[in-house]
Amino acid sequence: MRIATPDAAAEAAARARLDGLVKPLGSLGRLEDLAAWLSAAHGTVPPRPLDDVRVVVFAGDHGVSGMSAYPREVTAAMVRVFLAGKSGVGVLAALAGAKVRALDIAVDWDGADVPAEVTAHKVRRGSGSIDVEDALAEGEARTAFEHGLAIADEEIDGGADLLIPGDMGIGNTTICAAVVASVLGLAAEEVVGTGTGIDEDGRARKVAVVEAALTRAGAVKDPFAVLTALGSACLAATSGFLVRAAVRGVPVLLDGVFSGAAALVAREIAPGAEQWWLAGHRSTEPSQAYALKALGLEPILDLGLRLGEGSGAVQAVPTLRAARAILADMGLLADLA
């Protein structure tokens, strides 16, 4: 897969215009960097309006869901909440004028009562408990990845200007910690956080599970092998989603720990894809910090959020629109009489 190249000339032109606006040099800080980044992504100054923002929530259950403060059944219940428009990301996305699409990639239910399009990309029901077995069967990681490619194509063909990967799955911070530790060669203690709000005893059990998973999996290098041994179908699908966006030159706002882990794997599969991603916000989970550092990404917002779903990234959309607006609407010093 050939990764698109952001337009360096457009970025340079954007920075030249920013320096000529009616303000002191660099006085709009990070907004100026984001404006130049968007110009490079769109190949034009100013960038195009971000009118069609789309959040895709990749839902799935995990075999290690006993690490969470909430039961596994919450995942299926939350899919229905997404469809009703009553989820956290649904409410916040509505404020930002973004659309939310929820997809069952690996929820442990039959899903017979939801629209067929919700389960159209389903790979399996749940995943293996990574401390004692592989998360996925042979070939399922690639199948899920290809579903992610197709999902991104559907959104981009539908007119998406900006994509946000969301997630829903009890136990997902545990598998993310394991994946990030495996890819970056870190110890479980460094990457395991409190997830949905577990206490210190719960965190200690979670560390032990991740340690056992890393020992069982061994030194896996191939990204699809990592996804198979330690990840999940929804993580693999998210990685495919991110890669296809980069291939087609569509900007992505990463959310929290889940999309951070998926991005780390996606970069292993398609080096250079990270040029098309921004980090929407800083999660409270330590594995996200390690993933973003490895990817060279600095979060736009830091609000102490740990919900997931795409909810943190959605909050950064107005900031990106503000960055575009300064290029599109501010006056030039040269025009002052």
C-alpha atoms as a PDB file:
ATOM      1  CA  MET A   1       0.000   0.000   0.000  1.00  0.00           C
ATOM      2  CA  ARG A   2       1.385   3.343  -1.067  1.00  0.00           C
ATOM      3  CA  ILE A   3       1.115   6.047   1.588  1.00  0.00           C
ATOM      4  CA  ALA A   4       0.121   9.469   0.287  1.00  0.00           C
ATOM      5  CA  THR A   5       2.579  12.325   0.865  1.00  0.00           C
ATOM      6  CA  PRO A   6       1.446  15.545   2.543  1.00  0.00           C
ATOM      7  CA  ASP A   7       2.123  18.645   0.435  1.00  0.00           C
ATOM      8  CA  ALA A   8       5.318  20.257   1.742  1.00  0.00           C
ATOM      9  CA  ALA A   9       4.881  23.288  -0.532  1.00  0.00           C
ATOM     10  CA  ALA A  10       1.414  23.948   0.873  1.00  0.00           C
ATOM     11  CA  GLU A  11       2.770  23.691   4.406  1.00  0.00           C
ATOM     12  CA  ALA A  12       5.530  26.209   3.601  1.00  0.00           C
ATOM     13  CA  ALA A  13       3.002  28.561   2.008  1.00  0.00           C
ATOM     14  CA  ALA A  14       0.767  28.264   5.062  1.00  0.00           C
ATOM     15  CA  ARG A  15       3.618  29.117   7.412  1.00  0.00           C
ATOM     16  CA  ALA A  16       4.560  32.115   5.281  1.00  0.00           C
ATOM     17  CA  ARG A  17       0.965  33.365   5.393  1.00  0.00           C
ATOM     18  CA  LEU A  18       0.749  32.765   9.154  1.00  0.00           C
ATOM     19  CA  ASP A  19       3.861  34.917   9.628  1.00  0.00           C
ATOM     20  CA  GLY A  20       2.186  37.692   7.628  1.00  0.00           C
ATOM     21  CA  LEU A  21      -1.114  37.782   9.547  1.00  0.00           C
ATOM     22  CA  VAL A  22      -2.149  40.672  11.784  1.00  0.00           C
ATOM     23  CA  LYS A  23      -0.479  39.295  14.915  1.00  0.00           C
ATOM     24  CA  PRO A  24       2.975  38.912  16.429  1.00  0.00           C
ATOM     25  CA  LEU A  25       5.030  36.064  14.971  1.00  0.00           C
ATOM     26  CA  GLY A  26       4.040  32.719  16.451  1.00  0.00           C
ATOM     27  CA  SER A  27       1.539  34.278  18.843  1.00  0.00           C
ATOM     28  CA  LEU A  28      -1.188  31.745  18.071  1.00  0.00           C
ATOM     29  CA  GLY A  29       1.075  28.900  19.144  1.00  0.00           C
ATOM     30  CA  ARG A  30      -0.146  25.378  18.441  1.00  0.00           C
ATOM     31  CA  LEU A  31      -2.984  26.690  16.287  1.00  0.00           C
ATOM     32  CA  GLU A  32      -0.394  27.812  13.744  1.00  0.00           C
ATOM     33  CA  ASP A  33       1.219  24.374  13.640  1.00  0.00           C
ATOM     34  CA  LEU A  34      -2.183  22.736  13.177  1.00  0.00           C
ATOM     35  CA  ALA A  35      -3.111  25.186  10.421  1.00  0.00           C
ATOM     36  CA  ALA A  36       0.116  24.388   8.549  1.00  0.00           C
ATOM     37  CA  TRP A  37      -0.442  20.633   9.083  1.00  0.00           C
ATOM     38  CA  LEU A  38      -3.965  20.830   7.662  1.00  0.00           C
ATOM     39  CA  SER A  39      -2.709  22.825   4.678  1.00  0.00           C
ATOM     40  CA  ALA A  40      -0.160  20.099   3.934  1.00  0.00           C
ATOM     41  CA  ALA A  41      -2.848  17.423   4.301  1.00  0.00           C
ATOM     42  CA  HIS A  42      -5.254  19.224   1.966  1.00  0.00           C
ATOM     43  CA  GLY A  43      -2.608  20.565  -0.408  1.00  0.00           C
ATOM     44  CA  THR A  44      -4.084  24.058  -0.314  1.00  0.00           C
ATOM     45  CA  VAL A  45      -3.941  27.301   1.682  1.00  0.00           C
ATOM     46  CA  PRO A  46      -6.244  27.790   3.461  1.00  0.00           C
ATOM     47  CA  PRO A  47      -7.250  24.165   4.085  1.00  0.00           C
ATOM     48  CA  ARG A  48     -10.725  23.056   3.082  1.00  0.00           C
ATOM     49  CA  PRO A  49     -13.494  23.362   5.695  1.00  0.00           C
ATOM     50  CA  LEU A  50     -13.877  20.361   7.976  1.00  0.00           C
ATOM     51  CA  ASP A  51     -17.581  20.024   7.306  1.00  0.00           C
ATOM     52  CA  ASP A  52     -17.907  16.236   7.224  1.00  0.00           C
ATOM     53  CA  VAL A  53     -16.353  14.725  10.340  1.00  0.00           C
ATOM     54  CA  ARG A  54     -17.009  11.030  10.968  1.00  0.00           C
ATOM     55  CA  VAL A  55     -16.480   8.914  14.063  1.00  0.00           C
ATOM     56  CA  VAL A  56     -16.435   5.146  13.597  1.00  0.00           C
ATOM     57  CA  VAL A  57     -16.727   3.167  16.836  1.00  0.00           C
ATOM     58  CA  PHE A  58     -15.136  -0.284  16.588  1.00  0.00           C
ATOM     59  CA  ALA A  59     -16.835  -2.499  19.192  1.00  0.00           C
ATOM     60  CA  GLY A  60     -15.661  -5.856  20.481  1.00  0.00           C
ATOM     61  CA  ASP A  61     -15.267  -7.973  23.599  1.00  0.00           C
ATOM     62  CA  HIS A  62     -12.007  -9.223  25.043  1.00  0.00           C
ATOM     63  CA  GLY A  63     -11.189 -12.436  26.857  1.00  0.00           C
ATOM     64  CA  VAL A  64      -9.507 -10.501  29.664  1.00  0.00           C
ATOM     65  CA  SER A  65     -12.599  -8.413  30.463  1.00  0.00           C
ATOM     66  CA  GLY A  66     -12.463  -9.568  34.098  1.00  0.00           C
ATOM     67  CA  MET A  67      -9.847  -6.840  34.616  1.00  0.00           C
ATOM     68  CA  SER A  68     -12.471  -4.099  34.254  1.00  0.00           C
ATOM     69  CA  ALA A  69     -14.687  -2.468  36.870  1.00  0.00           C
ATOM     70  CA  TYR A  70     -17.623  -3.339  34.587  1.00  0.00           C
ATOM     71  CA  PRO A  71     -18.973  -6.669  33.313  1.00  0.00           C
ATOM     72  CA  ARG A  72     -18.464  -7.831  29.751  1.00  0.00           C
ATOM     73  CA  GLU A  73     -22.182  -7.465  28.953  1.00  0.00           C
ATOM     74  CA  VAL A  74     -21.753  -3.699  28.957  1.00  0.00           C
ATOM     75  CA  THR A  75     -20.181  -3.808  25.490  1.00  0.00           C
ATOM     76  CA  ALA A  76     -23.327  -5.148  23.813  1.00  0.00           C
ATOM     77  CA  ALA A  77     -25.534  -2.795  25.818  1.00  0.00           C
ATOM     78  CA  MET A  78     -23.405   0.160  24.759  1.00  0.00           C
ATOM     79  CA  VAL A  79     -23.776  -0.691  21.066  1.00  0.00           C
ATOM     80  CA  ARG A  80     -27.500  -0.097  21.505  1.00  0.00           C
ATOM     81  CA  VAL A  81     -26.765   3.163  23.324  1.00  0.00           C
ATOM     82  CA  PHE A  82     -24.614   4.308  20.395  1.00  0.00           C
ATOM     83  CA  LEU A  83     -27.408   3.498  17.977  1.00  0.00           C
ATOM     84  CA  ALA A  84     -29.854   5.501  20.104  1.00  0.00           C
ATOM     85  CA  GLY A  85     -27.547   8.528  20.007  1.00  0.00           C
ATOM     86  CA  LYS A  86     -27.291   8.639  23.808  1.00  0.00           C
ATOM     87  CA  SER A  87     -23.622   7.746  24.293  1.00  0.00           C
ATOM     88  CA  GLY A  88     -20.967  10.171  25.486  1.00  0.00           C
ATOM     89  CA  VAL A  89     -19.430  10.408  22.041  1.00  0.00           C
ATOM     90  CA  GLY A  90     -22.891  10.750  20.493  1.00  0.00           C
ATOM     91  CA  VAL A  91     -23.698  13.796  22.587  1.00  0.00           C
ATOM     92  CA  LEU A  92     -20.282  15.392  22.124  1.00  0.00           C
ATOM     93  CA  ALA A  93     -20.162  14.621  18.411  1.00  0.00           C
ATOM     94  CA  ALA A  94     -23.530  16.304  17.908  1.00  0.00           C
ATOM     95  CA  LEU A  95     -22.099  19.492  19.391  1.00  0.00           C
ATOM     96  CA  ALA A  96     -19.167  19.297  16.972  1.00  0.00           C
ATOM     97  CA  GLY A  97     -21.411  18.492  14.002  1.00  0.00           C
ATOM     98  CA  ALA A  98     -19.830  15.050  13.596  1.00  0.00           C
ATOM     99  CA  LYS A  99     -21.527  11.806  12.617  1.00  0.00           C
ATOM    100  CA  VAL A 100     -21.130   8.619  14.681  1.00  0.00           C
ATOM    101  CA  ARG A 101     -21.237   5.105  13.245  1.00  0.00           C
ATOM    102  CA  ALA A 102     -21.051   2.083  15.567  1.00  0.00           C
ATOM    103  CA  LEU A 103     -19.860  -1.263  14.200  1.00  0.00           C
ATOM    104  CA  ASP A 104     -19.827  -4.683  15.837  1.00  0.00           C
ATOM    105  CA  ILE A 105     -16.464  -6.197  14.951  1.00  0.00           C
ATOM    106  CA  ALA A 106     -16.263  -8.767  17.755  1.00  0.00           C
ATOM    107  CA  VAL A 107     -19.031  -8.262  20.316  1.00  0.00           C
ATOM    108  CA  ASP A 108     -20.004 -11.424  22.164  1.00  0.00           C
ATOM    109  CA  TRP A 109     -23.711 -11.449  21.229  1.00  0.00           C
ATOM    110  CA  ASP A 110     -25.790 -12.415  18.235  1.00  0.00           C
ATOM    111  CA  GLY A 111     -26.853  -8.833  17.481  1.00  0.00           C
ATOM    112  CA  ALA A 112     -30.033 -10.041  15.810  1.00  0.00           C
ATOM    113  CA  ASP A 113     -32.026  -6.998  16.888  1.00  0.00           C
ATOM    114  CA  VAL A 114     -29.740  -4.323  15.407  1.00  0.00           C
ATOM    115  CA  PRO A 115     -29.556  -3.119  11.791  1.00  0.00           C
ATOM    116  CA  ALA A 116     -27.610  -5.448   9.498  1.00  0.00           C
ATOM    117  CA  GLU A 117     -25.068  -2.759   8.661  1.00  0.00           C
ATOM    118  CA  VAL A 118     -23.917  -2.749  12.309  1.00  0.00           C
ATOM    119  CA  THR A 119     -22.764  -6.375  12.077  1.00  0.00           C
ATOM    120  CA  ALA A 120     -21.741  -6.361   8.405  1.00  0.00           C
ATOM    121  CA  HIS A 121     -18.027  -6.347   9.304  1.00  0.00           C
ATOM    122  CA  LYS A 122     -18.190  -8.779  12.219  1.00  0.00           C
ATOM    123  CA  VAL A 123     -15.187 -11.103  12.466  1.00  0.00           C
ATOM    124  CA  ARG A 124     -15.947 -13.161  15.572  1.00  0.00           C
ATOM    125  CA  ARG A 125     -17.646 -13.146  18.988  1.00  0.00           C
ATOM    126  CA  GLY A 126     -15.179 -11.916  21.580  1.00  0.00           C
ATOM    127  CA  SER A 127     -11.524 -12.904  21.680  1.00  0.00           C
ATOM    128  CA  GLY A 128      -9.237 -15.241  23.570  1.00  0.00           C
ATOM    129  CA  SER A 129      -7.890 -14.460  27.030  1.00  0.00           C
ATOM    130  CA  ILE A 130      -4.405 -13.292  26.099  1.00  0.00           C
ATOM    131  CA  ASP A 131      -2.751 -14.495  29.303  1.00  0.00           C
ATOM    132  CA  VAL A 132      -3.455 -18.131  28.385  1.00  0.00           C
ATOM    133  CA  GLU A 133      -4.207 -18.166  24.644  1.00  0.00           C
ATOM    134  CA  ASP A 134      -4.022 -16.114  21.457  1.00  0.00           C
ATOM    135  CA  ALA A 135      -6.627 -13.409  21.057  1.00  0.00           C
ATOM    136  CA  LEU A 136      -7.420 -14.432  17.490  1.00  0.00           C
ATOM    137  CA  ALA A 137      -7.334 -17.515  15.319  1.00  0.00           C
ATOM    138  CA  GLU A 138      -4.901 -17.744  12.420  1.00  0.00           C
ATOM    139  CA  GLY A 139      -5.872 -15.337   9.629  1.00  0.00           C
ATOM    140  CA  GLU A 140      -8.428 -13.362  11.653  1.00  0.00           C
ATOM    141  CA  ALA A 141      -6.110 -10.389  12.215  1.00  0.00           C
ATOM    142  CA  ARG A 142      -5.680  -9.920   8.459  1.00  0.00           C
ATOM    143  CA  THR A 143      -9.408 -10.397   7.887  1.00  0.00           C
ATOM    144  CA  ALA A 144     -10.227  -7.746  10.475  1.00  0.00           C
ATOM    145  CA  PHE A 145      -7.541  -5.431   9.055  1.00  0.00           C
ATOM    146  CA  GLU A 146      -9.114  -5.743   5.607  1.00  0.00           C
ATOM    147  CA  HIS A 147     -12.509  -4.909   7.094  1.00  0.00           C
ATOM    148  CA  GLY A 148     -10.902  -1.756   8.503  1.00  0.00           C
ATOM    149  CA  LEU A 149      -9.615  -0.841   5.041  1.00  0.00           C
ATOM    150  CA  ALA A 150     -13.113  -1.272   3.608  1.00  0.00           C
ATOM    151  CA  ILE A 151     -14.745   0.737   6.406  1.00  0.00           C
ATOM    152  CA  ALA A 152     -12.392   3.666   5.785  1.00  0.00           C
ATOM    153  CA  ASP A 153     -13.173   3.496   2.068  1.00  0.00           C
ATOM    154  CA  GLU A 154     -16.893   3.623   2.835  1.00  0.00           C
ATOM    155  CA  GLU A 155     -16.494   6.752   4.959  1.00  0.00           C
ATOM    156  CA  ILE A 156     -14.115   8.503   2.561  1.00  0.00           C
ATOM    157  CA  ASP A 157     -16.243   7.657  -0.466  1.00  0.00           C
ATOM    158  CA  GLY A 158     -19.160   9.127   1.464  1.00  0.00           C
ATOM    159  CA  GLY A 159     -17.376  12.470   1.698  1.00  0.00           C
ATOM    160  CA  ALA A 160     -15.477  12.393   5.005  1.00  0.00           C
ATOM    161  CA  ASP A 161     -13.123  15.345   5.526  1.00  0.00           C
ATOM    162  CA  LEU A 162     -11.790  14.051   8.842  1.00  0.00           C
ATOM    163  CA  LEU A 163     -11.934  10.585  10.415  1.00  0.00           C
ATOM    164  CA  ILE A 164     -11.961   9.658  14.109  1.00  0.00           C
ATOM    165  CA  PRO A 165     -11.566   6.042  15.241  1.00  0.00           C
ATOM    166  CA  GLY A 166     -13.615   5.270  18.349  1.00  0.00           C
ATOM    167  CA  ASP A 167     -13.759   2.127  20.443  1.00  0.00           C
ATOM    168  CA  MET A 168     -16.022   0.211  22.791  1.00  0.00           C
ATOM    169  CA  GLY A 169     -15.018  -2.967  24.551  1.00  0.00           C
ATOM    170  CA  ILE A 170     -14.733  -3.908  28.199  1.00  0.00           C
ATOM    171  CA  GLY A 171     -11.113  -4.988  28.788  1.00  0.00           C
ATOM    172  CA  ASN A 172      -9.632  -3.027  25.921  1.00  0.00           C
ATOM    173  CA  THR A 173      -7.075  -1.109  28.004  1.00  0.00           C
ATOM    174  CA  THR A 174      -5.543  -4.447  29.028  1.00  0.00           C
ATOM    175  CA  ILE A 175      -4.968  -5.624  25.475  1.00  0.00           C
ATOM    176  CA  CYS A 176      -3.705  -2.177  24.491  1.00  0.00           C
ATOM    177  CA  ALA A 177      -1.141  -2.279  27.286  1.00  0.00           C
ATOM    178  CA  ALA A 178       0.030  -5.689  26.103  1.00  0.00           C
ATOM    179  CA  VAL A 179       0.289  -4.620  22.455  1.00  0.00           C
ATOM    180  CA  VAL A 180       2.167  -1.403  23.232  1.00  0.00           C
ATOM    181  CA  ALA A 181       4.538  -3.252  25.576  1.00  0.00           C
ATOM    182  CA  SER A 182       5.202  -5.899  22.936  1.00  0.00           C
ATOM    183  CA  VAL A 183       5.851  -3.456  20.087  1.00  0.00           C
ATOM    184  CA  LEU A 184       8.031  -1.100  22.135  1.00  0.00           C
ATOM    185  CA  GLY A 185       9.750  -3.650  24.363  1.00  0.00           C
ATOM    186  CA  LEU A 186       8.334  -2.282  27.622  1.00  0.00           C
ATOM    187  CA  ALA A 187       7.509  -3.989  30.915  1.00  0.00           C
ATOM    188  CA  ALA A 188       3.887  -4.524  31.936  1.00  0.00           C
ATOM    189  CA  GLU A 189       4.313  -2.323  35.011  1.00  0.00           C
ATOM    190  CA  GLU A 190       5.176   0.637  32.773  1.00  0.00           C
ATOM    191  CA  VAL A 191       2.117   0.487  30.541  1.00  0.00           C
ATOM    192  CA  VAL A 192      -0.753  -0.736  32.719  1.00  0.00           C
ATOM    193  CA  GLY A 193      -3.167   1.873  34.053  1.00  0.00           C
ATOM    194  CA  THR A 194      -6.440   1.832  35.974  1.00  0.00           C
ATOM    195  CA  GLY A 195      -8.697   1.595  32.895  1.00  0.00           C
ATOM    196  CA  THR A 196     -12.341   2.026  33.891  1.00  0.00           C
ATOM    197  CA  GLY A 197     -11.336   2.994  37.433  1.00  0.00           C
ATOM    198  CA  ILE A 198     -10.064  -0.168  39.132  1.00  0.00           C
ATOM    199  CA  ASP A 199      -8.284   0.049  42.501  1.00  0.00           C
ATOM    200  CA  GLU A 200      -4.626  -0.768  43.149  1.00  0.00           C
ATOM    201  CA  ASP A 201      -5.363  -4.431  43.799  1.00  0.00           C
ATOM    202  CA  GLY A 202      -7.194  -4.577  40.485  1.00  0.00           C
ATOM    203  CA  ARG A 203      -4.300  -2.874  38.758  1.00  0.00           C
ATOM    204  CA  ALA A 204      -1.873  -5.416  40.240  1.00  0.00           C
ATOM    205  CA  ARG A 205      -4.000  -8.241  38.817  1.00  0.00           C
ATOM    206  CA  LYS A 206      -4.021  -6.462  35.467  1.00  0.00           C
ATOM    207  CA  VAL A 207      -0.223  -6.142  35.506  1.00  0.00           C
ATOM    208  CA  ALA A 208       0.041  -9.870  36.216  1.00  0.00           C
ATOM    209  CA  VAL A 209      -2.250 -10.671  33.278  1.00  0.00           C
ATOM    210  CA  VAL A 210      -0.234  -8.495  30.887  1.00  0.00           C
ATOM    211  CA  GLU A 211       3.035 -10.007  32.163  1.00  0.00           C
ATOM    212  CA  ALA A 212       1.652 -13.500  31.575  1.00  0.00           C
ATOM    213  CA  ALA A 213       0.476 -12.524  28.090  1.00  0.00           C
ATOM    214  CA  LEU A 214       3.839 -11.084  27.128  1.00  0.00           C
ATOM    215  CA  THR A 215       5.645 -14.167  28.421  1.00  0.00           C
ATOM    216  CA  ARG A 216       3.274 -16.493  26.595  1.00  0.00           C
ATOM    217  CA  ALA A 217       3.501 -14.577  23.305  1.00  0.00           C
ATOM    218  CA  GLY A 218       7.277 -14.237  23.387  1.00  0.00           C
ATOM    219  CA  ALA A 219       9.241 -11.907  21.134  1.00  0.00           C
ATOM    220  CA  VAL A 220       6.760 -11.455  18.284  1.00  0.00           C
ATOM    221  CA  LYS A 221       7.829  -8.976  15.624  1.00  0.00           C
ATOM    222  CA  ASP A 222       5.348  -9.237  12.762  1.00  0.00           C
ATOM    223  CA  PRO A 223       2.493  -6.767  13.434  1.00  0.00           C
ATOM    224  CA  PHE A 224      -0.166  -9.273  12.431  1.00  0.00           C
ATOM    225  CA  ALA A 225       1.377 -11.793  14.806  1.00  0.00           C
ATOM    226  CA  VAL A 226       1.162  -9.194  17.583  1.00  0.00           C
ATOM    227  CA  LEU A 227      -2.505  -8.581  16.786  1.00  0.00           C
ATOM    228  CA  THR A 228      -3.169 -12.321  16.748  1.00  0.00           C
ATOM    229  CA  ALA A 229      -1.385 -13.099  20.004  1.00  0.00           C
ATOM    230  CA  LEU A 230      -2.216 -10.011  22.059  1.00  0.00           C
ATOM    231  CA  GLY A 231      -4.727  -7.795  20.266  1.00  0.00           C
ATOM    232  CA  SER A 232      -8.294  -8.204  19.072  1.00  0.00           C
ATOM    233  CA  ALA A 233     -10.347  -8.083  15.904  1.00  0.00           C
ATOM    234  CA  CYS A 234     -11.489  -4.524  16.648  1.00  0.00           C
ATOM    235  CA  LEU A 235      -7.878  -3.401  17.186  1.00  0.00           C
ATOM    236  CA  ALA A 236      -6.861  -4.974  13.872  1.00  0.00           C
ATOM    237  CA  ALA A 237      -9.807  -3.345  12.101  1.00  0.00           C
ATOM    238  CA  THR A 238      -8.890   0.033  13.584  1.00  0.00           C
ATOM    239  CA  SER A 239      -5.328  -0.398  12.313  1.00  0.00           C
ATOM    240  CA  GLY A 240      -6.659  -1.046   8.815  1.00  0.00           C
ATOM    241  CA  PHE A 241      -8.893   2.006   9.075  1.00  0.00           C
ATOM    242  CA  LEU A 242      -5.889   4.181   9.929  1.00  0.00           C
ATOM    243  CA  VAL A 243      -3.736   2.793   7.148  1.00  0.00           C
ATOM    244  CA  ARG A 244      -6.398   3.316   4.475  1.00  0.00           C
ATOM    245  CA  ALA A 245      -6.901   6.929   5.568  1.00  0.00           C
ATOM    246  CA  ALA A 246      -3.175   7.506   5.067  1.00  0.00           C
ATOM    247  CA  VAL A 247      -3.202   5.794   1.688  1.00  0.00           C
ATOM    248  CA  ARG A 248      -6.043   8.039   0.566  1.00  0.00           C
ATOM    249  CA  GLY A 249      -4.663  11.190   2.159  1.00  0.00           C
ATOM    250  CA  VAL A 250      -7.484  11.845   4.623  1.00  0.00           C
ATOM    251  CA  PRO A 251      -6.593  13.336   8.033  1.00  0.00           C
ATOM    252  CA  VAL A 252      -7.296  11.340  11.177  1.00  0.00           C
ATOM    253  CA  LEU A 253      -7.756  12.482  14.765  1.00  0.00           C
ATOM    254  CA  LEU A 254      -6.702   9.668  17.080  1.00  0.00           C
ATOM    255  CA  ASP A 255      -8.636   9.312  20.305  1.00  0.00           C
ATOM    256  CA  GLY A 256      -7.194   7.644  23.389  1.00  0.00           C
ATOM    257  CA  VAL A 257      -5.420   4.475  24.422  1.00  0.00           C
ATOM    258  CA  PHE A 258      -7.156   2.183  21.916  1.00  0.00           C
ATOM    259  CA  SER A 259      -6.490   4.195  18.780  1.00  0.00           C
ATOM    260  CA  GLY A 260      -2.972   4.896  20.072  1.00  0.00           C
ATOM    261  CA  ALA A 261      -2.206   1.172  20.226  1.00  0.00           C
ATOM    262  CA  ALA A 262      -3.861   0.599  16.846  1.00  0.00           C
ATOM    263  CA  ALA A 263      -1.804   3.432  15.353  1.00  0.00           C
ATOM    264  CA  LEU A 264       1.415   1.929  16.690  1.00  0.00           C
ATOM    265  CA  VAL A 265       0.621  -1.352  14.921  1.00  0.00           C
ATOM    266  CA  ALA A 266      -0.584   0.447  11.789  1.00  0.00           C
ATOM    267  CA  ARG A 267       2.729   2.310  11.572  1.00  0.00           C
ATOM    268  CA  GLU A 268       4.521  -1.046  11.734  1.00  0.00           C
ATOM    269  CA  ILE A 269       2.408  -2.280   8.819  1.00  0.00           C
ATOM    270  CA  ALA A 270       2.641   0.939   6.788  1.00  0.00           C
ATOM    271  CA  PRO A 271       5.589   3.160   7.794  1.00  0.00           C
ATOM    272  CA  GLY A 272       4.864   6.806   7.086  1.00  0.00           C
ATOM    273  CA  ALA A 273       1.138   6.495   7.711  1.00  0.00           C
ATOM    274  CA  GLU A 274       1.588   8.511  10.912  1.00  0.00           C
ATOM    275  CA  GLN A 275       2.044  11.661   8.787  1.00  0.00           C
ATOM    276  CA  TRP A 276      -1.753  11.687   8.396  1.00  0.00           C
ATOM    277  CA  TRP A 277      -2.648  11.390  12.063  1.00  0.00           C
ATOM    278  CA  LEU A 278      -3.050  13.880  14.866  1.00  0.00           C
ATOM    279  CA  ALA A 279      -3.511  12.989  18.529  1.00  0.00           C
ATOM    280  CA  GLY A 280      -6.814  14.467  19.660  1.00  0.00           C
ATOM    281  CA  HIS A 281      -6.235  14.286  23.390  1.00  0.00           C
ATOM    282  CA  ARG A 282      -4.072  12.847  26.149  1.00  0.00           C
ATOM    283  CA  SER A 283      -5.510   9.768  27.830  1.00  0.00           C
ATOM    284  CA  THR A 284      -4.905   8.981  31.486  1.00  0.00           C
ATOM    285  CA  GLU A 285      -3.630   5.522  30.429  1.00  0.00           C
ATOM    286  CA  PRO A 286       0.196   5.262  30.406  1.00  0.00           C
ATOM    287  CA  SER A 287       0.344   3.042  27.318  1.00  0.00           C
ATOM    288  CA  GLN A 288      -1.072   5.878  25.202  1.00  0.00           C
ATOM    289  CA  ALA A 289       1.760   8.181  26.245  1.00  0.00           C
ATOM    290  CA  TYR A 290       4.343   5.619  25.147  1.00  0.00           C
ATOM    291  CA  ALA A 291       2.543   5.001  21.862  1.00  0.00           C
ATOM    292  CA  LEU A 292       2.263   8.687  21.008  1.00  0.00           C
ATOM    293  CA  LYS A 293       5.893   9.348  21.887  1.00  0.00           C
ATOM    294  CA  ALA A 294       6.948   6.540  19.558  1.00  0.00           C
ATOM    295  CA  LEU A 295       4.732   7.983  16.824  1.00  0.00           C
ATOM    296  CA  GLY A 296       6.027  11.532  17.356  1.00  0.00           C
ATOM    297  CA  LEU A 297       2.550  12.877  18.125  1.00  0.00           C
ATOM    298  CA  GLU A 298       1.639  15.544  20.685  1.00  0.00           C
ATOM    299  CA  PRO A 299      -1.958  15.591  21.987  1.00  0.00           C
ATOM    300  CA  ILE A 300      -4.018  18.667  21.157  1.00  0.00           C
ATOM    301  CA  LEU A 301      -6.051  18.553  24.378  1.00  0.00           C
ATOM    302  CA  ASP A 302      -5.412  17.320  27.913  1.00  0.00           C
ATOM    303  CA  LEU A 303      -8.723  17.090  29.763  1.00  0.00           C
ATOM    304  CA  GLY A 304      -8.124  14.005  31.898  1.00  0.00           C
ATOM    305  CA  LEU A 305     -10.547  11.973  29.784  1.00  0.00           C
ATOM    306  CA  ARG A 306     -10.627   8.154  29.840  1.00  0.00           C
ATOM    307  CA  LEU A 307     -14.006   7.314  28.308  1.00  0.00           C
ATOM    308  CA  GLY A 308     -12.851   6.201  24.872  1.00  0.00           C
ATOM    309  CA  GLU A 309     -15.489   5.948  22.122  1.00  0.00           C
ATOM    310  CA  GLY A 310     -13.792   8.769  20.188  1.00  0.00           C
ATOM    311  CA  SER A 311     -15.076  11.251  22.776  1.00  0.00           C
ATOM    312  CA  GLY A 312     -11.759  12.989  23.432  1.00  0.00           C
ATOM    313  CA  ALA A 313     -10.832  13.391  19.773  1.00  0.00           C
ATOM    314  CA  VAL A 314     -14.242  14.915  19.020  1.00  0.00           C
ATOM    315  CA  GLN A 315     -13.437  17.677  21.497  1.00  0.00           C
ATOM    316  CA  ALA A 316     -10.401  18.632  19.396  1.00  0.00           C
ATOM    317  CA  VAL A 317     -12.464  19.210  16.231  1.00  0.00           C
ATOM    318  CA  PRO A 318     -13.317  22.839  17.117  1.00  0.00           C
ATOM    319  CA  THR A 319      -9.610  23.473  17.673  1.00  0.00           C
ATOM    320  CA  LEU A 320      -8.805  22.212  14.178  1.00  0.00           C
ATOM    321  CA  ARG A 321     -11.571  24.408  12.756  1.00  0.00           C
ATOM    322  CA  ALA A 322     -10.116  27.368  14.625  1.00  0.00           C
ATOM    323  CA  ALA A 323      -6.699  26.615  13.138  1.00  0.00           C
ATOM    324  CA  ARG A 324      -8.191  26.632   9.664  1.00  0.00           C
ATOM    325  CA  ALA A 325     -10.112  29.862  10.356  1.00  0.00           C
ATOM    326  CA  ILE A 326      -7.009  31.879  11.181  1.00  0.00           C
ATOM    327  CA  LEU A 327      -5.609  31.086   7.752  1.00  0.00           C
ATOM    328  CA  ALA A 328      -8.900  31.611   5.974  1.00  0.00           C
ATOM    329  CA  ASP A 329     -10.215  34.730   7.684  1.00  0.00           C
ATOM    330  CA  MET A 330      -7.514  36.746   9.435  1.00  0.00           C
ATOM    331  CA  GLY A 331      -6.140  39.845   7.727  1.00  0.00           C
ATOM    332  CA  LEU A 332      -2.581  40.457   6.543  1.00  0.00           C
ATOM    333  CA  LEU A 333      -0.156  42.984   7.957  1.00  0.00           C
ATOM    334  CA  ALA A 334       0.663  43.995   4.369  1.00  0.00           C
ATOM    335  CA  ASP A 335      -2.920  45.144   3.895  1.00  0.00           C
ATOM    336  CA  LEU A 336      -2.871  47.573   6.817  1.00  0.00           C
ATOM    337  CA  ALA A 337      -2.951  51.145   5.688  1.00  0.00           C
END
